[in-house]
C-alpha cells in the first residue's frame, strides 16, 4: 500500500510540475509579444493633395510597422501652410519647397528636420486624343483654348504655373483662356479627363494615377522653360510628439519609402 501511495504522490507531483512548465511557457510567449514602438500615439500629417497616392501607402506601411495612428490632412500648399501656423500639424509636406522655406524663416518647423523627398515636375496635360492640338506652352495662349489651372494662392502647381507662363511671356493670353482656377491639383485632373478643359498644368507623376489611365496625355515642358520643384518634409515646432513626428519624417525619406515614391511616378532626391 505504501508503494502505491508513493507512486500516486510521484504522479501528482509530475503532473503539477508539467502543468507549471506549460504555464511558464505561456507566460514567456506573452512577454515576447511586445507592443509596437508607437502604439497608442498619434500625429497629424499635412500633405499636398497631389501626393495622396504615395502618402496613403506610406502611412499605412508606417502604421503597420510602428502601431502609430497617423491622421492626414490633404490640401493645397497654401491651405496647409495655414494649418501649420494654427499649430494643428506635426509633419508638414507641401508640394513645393517655397512653402517650407517660408516656414523655416518664420520658425514654424525645425530646420534640421527639413529633408527633400522627391522632384516635382510640371507637365502639360490634355484629354485623350488632344482635341485642341496642344504641343507647346505657347499653344496654351492661342485664342479659344480652354484651360483649367491651379489657383496661385492655393496648390503649389498654381503658383508654379503662373511663374512658367510669366517666364514664357504668355501670362495675359493664358489668363484670358482660363475657365477655372482650382483649390487643389487633383481637381485639375478631373476637369481635363472629363474634357471640360482642353489643357492644364499638373505634376508629371499624376499621369500614373488610375483616374488618368487612358483618358489623359502629357506633354513635357522643355527644361529651360520649366520650373521643376522639390517636395520637402519637415517637423513642426508645435508638435506635441516630436519623437513620433521625427520617426515618420525620417521614414518617408528612407530607402523603404523610395520604392513607394518610384512606384507612383516620382523621382526621389538623392540623400
Protein backbone atom coordinates (compact mmCIF):
# COMPACT_ATOMS: atom_id res chain seq x y z
CA UNK A 1 0.00 0.00 0.00
CA UNK A 2 2.87 2.34 0.87
CA UNK A 3 4.36 1.71 -2.55
CA UNK A 4 1.03 2.58 -4.23
CA UNK A 5 0.71 5.82 -2.20
CA UNK A 6 4.27 6.78 -3.02
CA UNK A 7 3.62 6.13 -6.70
CA UNK A 8 0.47 8.28 -6.62
CA UNK A 9 2.31 11.13 -4.92
CA UNK A 10 5.07 10.97 -7.53
CA UNK A 11 2.48 11.03 -10.36
CA UNK A 12 0.66 14.02 -8.82
CA UNK A 13 3.93 15.92 -8.48
CA UNK A 14 4.88 15.09 -12.07
CA UNK A 15 1.55 16.35 -13.39
CA UNK A 16 1.79 19.51 -11.26
CA UNK A 17 5.32 20.25 -12.47
CA UNK A 18 4.32 19.55 -16.06
CA UNK A 19 1.42 21.97 -15.71
CA UNK A 20 3.74 24.57 -14.25
CA UNK A 21 6.04 24.11 -17.22
CA UNK A 22 3.22 24.89 -19.66
CA UNK A 23 2.23 27.92 -17.63
CA UNK A 24 5.82 29.17 -17.74
CA UNK A 25 5.95 28.73 -21.50
CA UNK A 26 2.67 30.59 -21.87
CA UNK A 27 3.99 33.46 -19.77
CA UNK A 28 7.15 33.51 -21.84
CA UNK A 29 5.16 33.73 -25.09
CA UNK A 30 3.16 36.69 -23.79
CA UNK A 31 6.31 38.52 -22.69
CA UNK A 32 7.82 38.02 -26.14
CA UNK A 33 4.82 39.74 -27.76
CA UNK A 34 5.96 43.32 -27.24
CA UNK A 35 3.89 46.40 -28.08
CA UNK A 36 4.92 48.15 -31.26
CA UNK A 37 7.12 51.20 -30.81
CA UNK A 38 4.48 53.90 -31.08
CA UNK A 39 1.30 52.04 -30.11
CA UNK A 40 -1.37 54.44 -28.85
CA UNK A 41 0.42 57.55 -30.17
CA UNK A 42 -0.97 59.84 -32.87
CA UNK A 43 0.22 62.73 -35.03
CA UNK A 44 -1.28 64.83 -37.83
CA UNK A 45 0.44 64.98 -41.20
CA UNK A 46 -0.34 67.87 -43.57
CA UNK A 47 0.35 66.78 -47.15
CA UNK A 48 -0.12 68.29 -50.59
CA UNK A 49 -3.18 66.79 -52.29
CA UNK A 50 -1.08 65.72 -55.27
CA UNK A 51 0.81 63.31 -53.01
CA UNK A 52 -2.28 61.39 -51.93
CA UNK A 53 -1.41 58.12 -53.70
CA UNK A 54 2.09 57.51 -52.30
CA UNK A 55 1.28 59.10 -48.94
CA UNK A 56 -1.70 56.81 -48.32
CA UNK A 57 0.54 53.81 -48.93
CA UNK A 58 3.44 55.14 -46.86
CA UNK A 59 1.15 55.98 -43.94
CA UNK A 60 -0.44 52.52 -43.98
CA UNK A 61 3.01 50.88 -44.00
CA UNK A 62 4.28 53.09 -41.17
CA UNK A 63 1.19 52.47 -39.03
CA UNK A 64 1.51 48.72 -39.55
CA UNK A 65 5.19 48.69 -38.59
CA UNK A 66 5.04 51.03 -35.59
CA UNK A 67 1.48 50.87 -34.22
CA UNK A 68 1.15 54.65 -34.55
CA UNK A 69 -2.02 56.35 -35.76
CA UNK A 70 -1.47 58.95 -38.47
CA UNK A 71 -4.19 61.46 -39.23
CA UNK A 72 -3.57 63.05 -42.61
CA UNK A 73 -4.96 66.30 -43.98
CA UNK A 74 -4.63 66.80 -47.73
CA UNK A 75 -4.97 70.16 -49.42
CA UNK A 76 -3.33 72.92 -51.41
CA UNK A 77 0.07 74.01 -50.13
CA UNK A 78 -1.13 77.49 -49.12
CA UNK A 79 -4.00 75.92 -47.16
CA UNK A 80 -1.60 73.54 -45.42
CA UNK A 81 0.66 76.44 -44.51
CA UNK A 82 -2.31 77.98 -42.72
CA UNK A 83 -2.89 74.75 -40.79
CA UNK A 84 0.79 74.72 -39.82
CA UNK A 85 0.59 78.26 -38.45
CA UNK A 86 -2.52 77.33 -36.43
CA UNK A 87 -0.41 74.67 -34.63
CA UNK A 88 -2.53 71.76 -35.88
CA UNK A 89 0.16 69.99 -37.87
CA UNK A 90 3.02 67.71 -36.75
CA UNK A 91 4.65 66.97 -40.12
CA UNK A 92 4.46 69.48 -42.99
CA UNK A 93 4.77 68.18 -46.58
CA UNK A 94 3.79 70.84 -49.17
CA UNK A 95 4.14 70.35 -52.92
CA UNK A 96 6.91 72.93 -53.28
CA UNK A 97 9.95 73.87 -51.18
CA UNK A 98 8.84 77.52 -51.34
CA UNK A 99 6.34 76.95 -48.53
CA UNK A 100 8.85 75.09 -46.38
CA UNK A 101 11.30 77.92 -46.91
CA UNK A 102 8.68 80.33 -45.60
CA UNK A 103 8.08 78.05 -42.61
CA UNK A 104 11.82 77.95 -41.87
CA UNK A 105 12.10 81.74 -41.98
CA UNK A 106 9.21 82.09 -39.53
CA UNK A 107 10.47 79.30 -37.25
CA UNK A 108 7.39 77.12 -37.77
CA UNK A 109 9.47 73.97 -38.39
CA UNK A 110 12.70 72.52 -37.05
CA UNK A 111 15.22 73.49 -39.73
CA UNK A 112 17.36 70.41 -39.07
CA UNK A 113 14.34 68.19 -39.82
CA UNK A 114 13.85 69.52 -43.37
CA UNK A 115 14.51 66.76 -45.90
CA UNK A 116 13.94 66.76 -49.66
CA UNK A 117 11.87 63.77 -50.73
CA UNK A 118 11.33 63.88 -54.49
CA UNK A 119 11.34 66.13 -57.51
CA UNK A 120 8.02 67.63 -58.64
CA UNK A 121 7.97 68.10 -62.41
CA UNK A 122 5.24 70.18 -64.12
CA UNK A 123 3.86 68.92 -67.45
CA UNK A 124 1.11 69.96 -69.84
CA UNK A 125 -1.83 67.55 -69.65
CA UNK A 126 -4.57 67.24 -72.26
CA UNK A 127 -7.58 64.94 -72.72
CA UNK A 128 -7.09 61.75 -74.71
CA UNK A 129 -6.57 62.43 -78.43
CA UNK A 130 -5.68 66.05 -77.64
CA UNK A 131 -8.70 67.73 -79.32
CA UNK A 132 -7.16 71.24 -79.19
CA UNK A 133 -3.89 70.04 -80.76
CA UNK A 134 -1.72 71.34 -77.94
CA UNK A 135 2.00 70.63 -78.34
CA UNK A 136 3.84 73.55 -76.68
CA UNK A 137 3.43 76.08 -73.90
CA UNK A 138 2.70 78.80 -76.46
CA UNK A 139 -0.31 76.81 -77.69
CA UNK A 140 -1.95 77.41 -74.31
CA UNK A 141 -2.19 81.12 -75.16
CA UNK A 142 -3.93 80.64 -78.51
CA UNK A 143 -7.47 82.06 -78.77
CA UNK A 144 -10.25 79.62 -77.99
CA UNK A 145 -8.21 77.19 -75.88
CA UNK A 146 -10.00 76.32 -72.61
CA UNK A 147 -7.65 75.99 -69.64
CA UNK A 148 -8.10 74.72 -66.10
CA UNK A 149 -5.28 75.91 -63.84
CA UNK A 150 -4.40 75.81 -60.18
CA UNK A 151 -5.07 78.94 -58.17
CA UNK A 152 -1.72 80.66 -57.43
CA UNK A 153 -2.97 81.20 -53.87
CA UNK A 154 -3.93 77.54 -53.49
CA UNK A 155 -1.97 74.48 -54.65
CA UNK A 156 1.74 74.67 -55.38
CA UNK A 157 1.07 73.90 -59.05
CA UNK A 158 -0.92 77.13 -59.33
CA UNK A 159 1.98 79.31 -58.21
CA UNK A 160 4.41 77.31 -60.36
CA UNK A 161 2.20 77.51 -63.45
CA UNK A 162 1.92 81.27 -63.13
CA UNK A 163 5.72 81.51 -62.90
CA UNK A 164 6.11 79.35 -66.02
CA UNK A 165 3.68 81.48 -68.05
CA UNK A 166 5.29 84.69 -66.82
CA UNK A 167 8.72 83.42 -67.80
CA UNK A 168 7.39 82.46 -71.27
CA UNK A 169 5.69 85.87 -71.66
CA UNK A 170 2.20 84.45 -72.26
CA UNK A 171 0.50 85.06 -68.90
CA UNK A 172 -2.12 87.57 -70.22
CA UNK A 173 -3.16 85.23 -73.04
CA UNK A 174 -3.33 82.26 -70.67
CA UNK A 175 -5.44 84.25 -68.19
CA UNK A 176 -7.92 85.01 -70.99
CA UNK A 177 -8.19 81.30 -71.77
CA UNK A 178 -8.63 80.12 -68.18
CA UNK A 179 -12.15 78.89 -67.43
CA UNK A 180 -11.46 77.79 -63.84
CA UNK A 181 -8.81 78.05 -61.12
CA UNK A 182 -8.87 75.20 -58.63
CA UNK A 183 -8.01 74.88 -54.96
CA UNK A 184 -6.18 71.55 -55.43
CA UNK A 185 -4.18 69.93 -58.20
CA UNK A 186 -6.47 66.86 -58.05
CA UNK A 187 -9.37 68.93 -59.39
CA UNK A 188 -7.32 69.81 -62.49
CA UNK A 189 -7.19 66.13 -63.34
CA UNK A 190 -11.00 65.93 -63.21
CA UNK A 191 -11.52 68.93 -65.48
CA UNK A 192 -9.06 67.53 -68.02
CA UNK A 193 -10.08 63.86 -68.21
CA UNK A 194 -13.73 64.93 -68.45
CA UNK A 195 -12.94 67.13 -71.46
CA UNK A 196 -14.23 70.29 -69.79
CA UNK A 197 -10.79 71.80 -70.28
CA UNK A 198 -8.54 71.49 -73.33
CA UNK A 199 -5.39 71.53 -71.24
CA UNK A 200 -3.87 72.10 -67.82
CA UNK A 201 -0.56 72.06 -66.00
CA UNK A 202 -0.21 69.24 -63.46
CA UNK A 203 2.61 67.23 -61.92
CA UNK A 204 4.14 64.54 -64.11
CA UNK A 205 3.59 61.76 -61.54
CA UNK A 206 -0.20 62.19 -61.72
CA UNK A 207 -0.20 60.55 -65.15
CA UNK A 208 0.35 57.22 -63.33
CA UNK A 209 -2.94 57.50 -61.43
CA UNK A 210 -5.73 55.13 -62.40
CA UNK A 211 -8.03 58.14 -62.84
CA UNK A 212 -5.78 59.30 -65.69
CA UNK A 213 -5.21 55.93 -67.37
CA UNK A 214 -6.37 56.01 -70.99
CA UNK A 215 -8.02 59.41 -70.50
CA UNK A 216 -5.05 61.74 -70.42
CA UNK A 217 -1.95 62.58 -72.44
CA UNK A 218 1.02 64.52 -71.12
CA UNK A 219 3.35 66.84 -72.98
CA UNK A 220 6.79 67.52 -71.45
CA UNK A 221 7.81 71.11 -70.87
CA UNK A 222 11.40 71.77 -72.02
CA UNK A 223 13.73 72.16 -69.04
CA UNK A 224 14.69 75.71 -69.99
CA UNK A 225 11.00 76.70 -69.91
CA UNK A 226 10.05 74.65 -66.87
CA UNK A 227 10.09 75.26 -63.12
CA UNK A 228 10.99 71.90 -61.61
CA UNK A 229 10.35 71.85 -57.88
CA UNK A 230 11.28 69.77 -54.85
CA UNK A 231 8.92 68.19 -52.34
CA UNK A 232 10.27 68.54 -48.78
CA UNK A 233 9.15 67.22 -45.42
CA UNK A 234 9.65 68.86 -42.02
CA UNK A 235 8.62 68.51 -38.38
CA UNK A 236 6.54 71.32 -36.87
CA UNK A 237 7.93 73.10 -33.80
CA UNK A 238 4.40 72.88 -32.38
CA UNK A 239 4.29 69.08 -32.41
CA UNK A 240 3.47 67.57 -29.03
CA UNK A 241 5.03 64.24 -30.02
CA UNK A 242 8.28 65.15 -31.73
CA UNK A 243 9.66 61.64 -31.32
CA UNK A 244 6.88 60.13 -33.43
CA UNK A 245 6.87 63.08 -35.85
CA UNK A 246 10.61 62.74 -36.40
CA UNK A 247 10.29 58.98 -36.89
CA UNK A 248 7.66 59.46 -39.59
CA UNK A 249 9.65 62.30 -41.16
CA UNK A 250 12.68 60.02 -41.39
CA UNK A 251 10.68 57.03 -42.63
CA UNK A 252 9.17 58.75 -45.69
CA UNK A 253 12.65 59.88 -46.75
CA UNK A 254 14.26 56.47 -46.27
CA UNK A 255 15.18 53.60 -48.55
CA UNK A 256 11.99 51.63 -47.90
CA UNK A 257 9.87 54.63 -48.86
CA UNK A 258 11.91 55.25 -52.01
CA UNK A 259 10.30 52.27 -53.72
CA UNK A 260 6.82 53.65 -52.99
CA UNK A 261 7.69 57.08 -54.40
CA UNK A 262 9.08 55.49 -57.57
CA UNK A 263 6.04 53.23 -57.90
CA UNK A 264 3.83 56.32 -58.11
CA UNK A 265 5.97 58.07 -60.74
CA UNK A 266 8.10 60.29 -58.50
CA UNK A 267 11.86 60.76 -58.83
CA UNK A 268 13.33 60.55 -55.31
CA UNK A 269 16.02 63.05 -54.36
CA UNK A 270 19.48 61.75 -53.64
CA UNK A 271 20.43 61.91 -49.94
